[in-house]
């Protein structure tokens, strides 16, 4: 993983924090604001197990409803955009715990 203030790179995903662009390989991805923020959080913590609660607190806020399924829904949308056309799936589910980006 490579990180600096402006660019994050994990595997073949490049996220440009400053310009709000994301590419996987040669494919440009169109993400909404929440998907972009979620991907940035996952990439900044690549390889680490992130719980639903951690994601809710960092991507949403501390007032987010802990009983909502918004994390799962956004992960599903992000996976669809990120993995479409690629063999390797980057967001791993750790059942009963959370998610890993690797």
Protein backbone atom coordinates (compact mmCIF):
# COMPACT_ATOMS: atom_id res chain seq x y z
CA UNK A 1 0.00 0.00 0.00
CA UNK A 2 1.17 3.47 -0.85
CA UNK A 3 -0.29 6.57 0.82
CA UNK A 4 0.34 10.25 0.90
CA UNK A 5 -1.92 13.20 1.47
CA UNK A 6 -3.26 13.27 -2.09
CA UNK A 7 -3.14 9.72 -3.47
CA UNK A 8 -3.91 6.28 -2.04
CA UNK A 9 -2.93 3.12 -3.88
CA UNK A 10 -3.89 -0.40 -2.84
CA UNK A 11 -3.53 -3.26 -5.31
CA UNK A 12 -4.66 -1.78 -8.65
CA UNK A 13 -6.93 0.89 -7.11
CA UNK A 14 -5.80 4.52 -7.13
CA UNK A 15 -7.83 7.05 -5.17
CA UNK A 16 -7.03 10.73 -5.69
CA UNK A 17 -8.16 12.47 -2.50
CA UNK A 18 -7.68 15.97 -3.85
CA UNK A 19 -9.54 15.51 -7.15
CA UNK A 20 -12.07 12.95 -5.86
CA UNK A 21 -11.33 10.41 -8.58
CA UNK A 22 -10.94 6.65 -8.38
CA UNK A 23 -9.52 4.22 -10.90
CA UNK A 24 -9.11 0.49 -10.83
CA UNK A 25 -6.57 -0.53 -13.41
CA UNK A 26 -7.43 1.58 -16.46
CA UNK A 27 -11.10 1.88 -15.54
CA UNK A 28 -12.38 5.16 -14.04
CA UNK A 29 -15.04 4.59 -11.37
CA UNK A 30 -17.94 6.92 -10.68
CA UNK A 31 -18.62 6.95 -6.94
CA UNK A 32 -21.01 9.11 -4.98
CA UNK A 33 -19.69 11.08 -2.01
CA UNK A 34 -20.46 8.41 0.61
CA UNK A 35 -18.97 5.60 -1.51
CA UNK A 36 -15.84 7.68 -2.04
CA UNK A 37 -15.52 8.37 1.71
CA UNK A 38 -16.10 4.69 2.51
CA UNK A 39 -13.49 3.56 -0.01
CA UNK A 40 -11.00 6.12 1.29
CA UNK A 41 -11.49 4.83 4.86
CA UNK A 42 -11.10 1.21 3.73
CA UNK A 43 -7.95 2.04 1.74
CA UNK A 44 -6.36 4.08 4.56
CA UNK A 45 -6.84 1.02 6.76
CA UNK A 46 -6.01 -1.66 4.18
CA UNK A 47 -5.38 -5.07 5.70
CA UNK A 48 -7.04 -4.14 9.00
CA UNK A 49 -10.32 -5.61 10.18
CA UNK A 50 -12.86 -2.79 10.37
CA UNK A 51 -16.05 -3.41 12.31
CA UNK A 52 -19.44 -2.05 11.28
CA UNK A 53 -19.25 0.29 14.28
CA UNK A 54 -15.84 1.65 13.26
CA UNK A 55 -17.11 2.27 9.73
CA UNK A 56 -20.28 3.95 11.00
CA UNK A 57 -18.29 6.26 13.28
CA UNK A 58 -15.68 7.23 10.68
CA UNK A 59 -17.70 7.37 7.48
CA UNK A 60 -21.01 8.54 8.90
CA UNK A 61 -20.85 10.00 12.41
CA UNK A 62 -21.25 9.06 16.04
CA UNK A 63 -24.99 9.77 15.84
CA UNK A 64 -25.55 7.14 13.13
CA UNK A 65 -28.14 4.51 14.00
CA UNK A 66 -26.17 1.37 14.98
CA UNK A 67 -29.13 -0.82 13.96
CA UNK A 68 -29.30 0.40 10.38
CA UNK A 69 -28.03 -1.71 7.47
CA UNK A 70 -26.52 1.32 5.71
CA UNK A 71 -22.96 -0.05 5.99
CA UNK A 72 -23.91 -3.31 4.30
CA UNK A 73 -25.85 -1.50 1.57
CA UNK A 74 -22.99 0.90 0.80
CA UNK A 75 -20.43 -1.93 0.86
CA UNK A 76 -22.59 -3.83 -1.66
CA UNK A 77 -22.86 -0.78 -3.98
CA UNK A 78 -19.14 -0.12 -3.67
CA UNK A 79 -18.27 -3.77 -4.39
CA UNK A 80 -20.47 -3.71 -7.49
CA UNK A 81 -18.65 -0.67 -8.87
CA UNK A 82 -15.17 -1.70 -7.73
CA UNK A 83 -15.18 -5.36 -8.76
CA UNK A 84 -17.23 -5.31 -11.97
CA UNK A 85 -15.09 -6.81 -14.72
CA UNK A 86 -12.30 -7.85 -12.35
CA UNK A 87 -11.50 -11.34 -11.11
CA UNK A 88 -9.94 -10.28 -7.80
CA UNK A 89 -12.43 -9.05 -5.18
CA UNK A 90 -10.90 -6.42 -2.90
CA UNK A 91 -13.43 -5.98 -0.08
CA UNK A 92 -13.50 -9.08 2.09
CA UNK A 93 -16.26 -9.85 4.58
CA UNK A 94 -15.07 -11.29 7.88
CA UNK A 95 -18.33 -12.89 9.03
CA UNK A 96 -19.44 -11.77 12.46
CA UNK A 97 -16.76 -9.05 12.64
CA UNK A 98 -16.65 -6.63 9.71
CA UNK A 99 -14.68 -5.94 6.54
CA UNK A 100 -11.12 -5.88 5.22
CA UNK A 101 -9.77 -4.17 2.13
CA UNK A 102 -6.87 -6.13 0.63
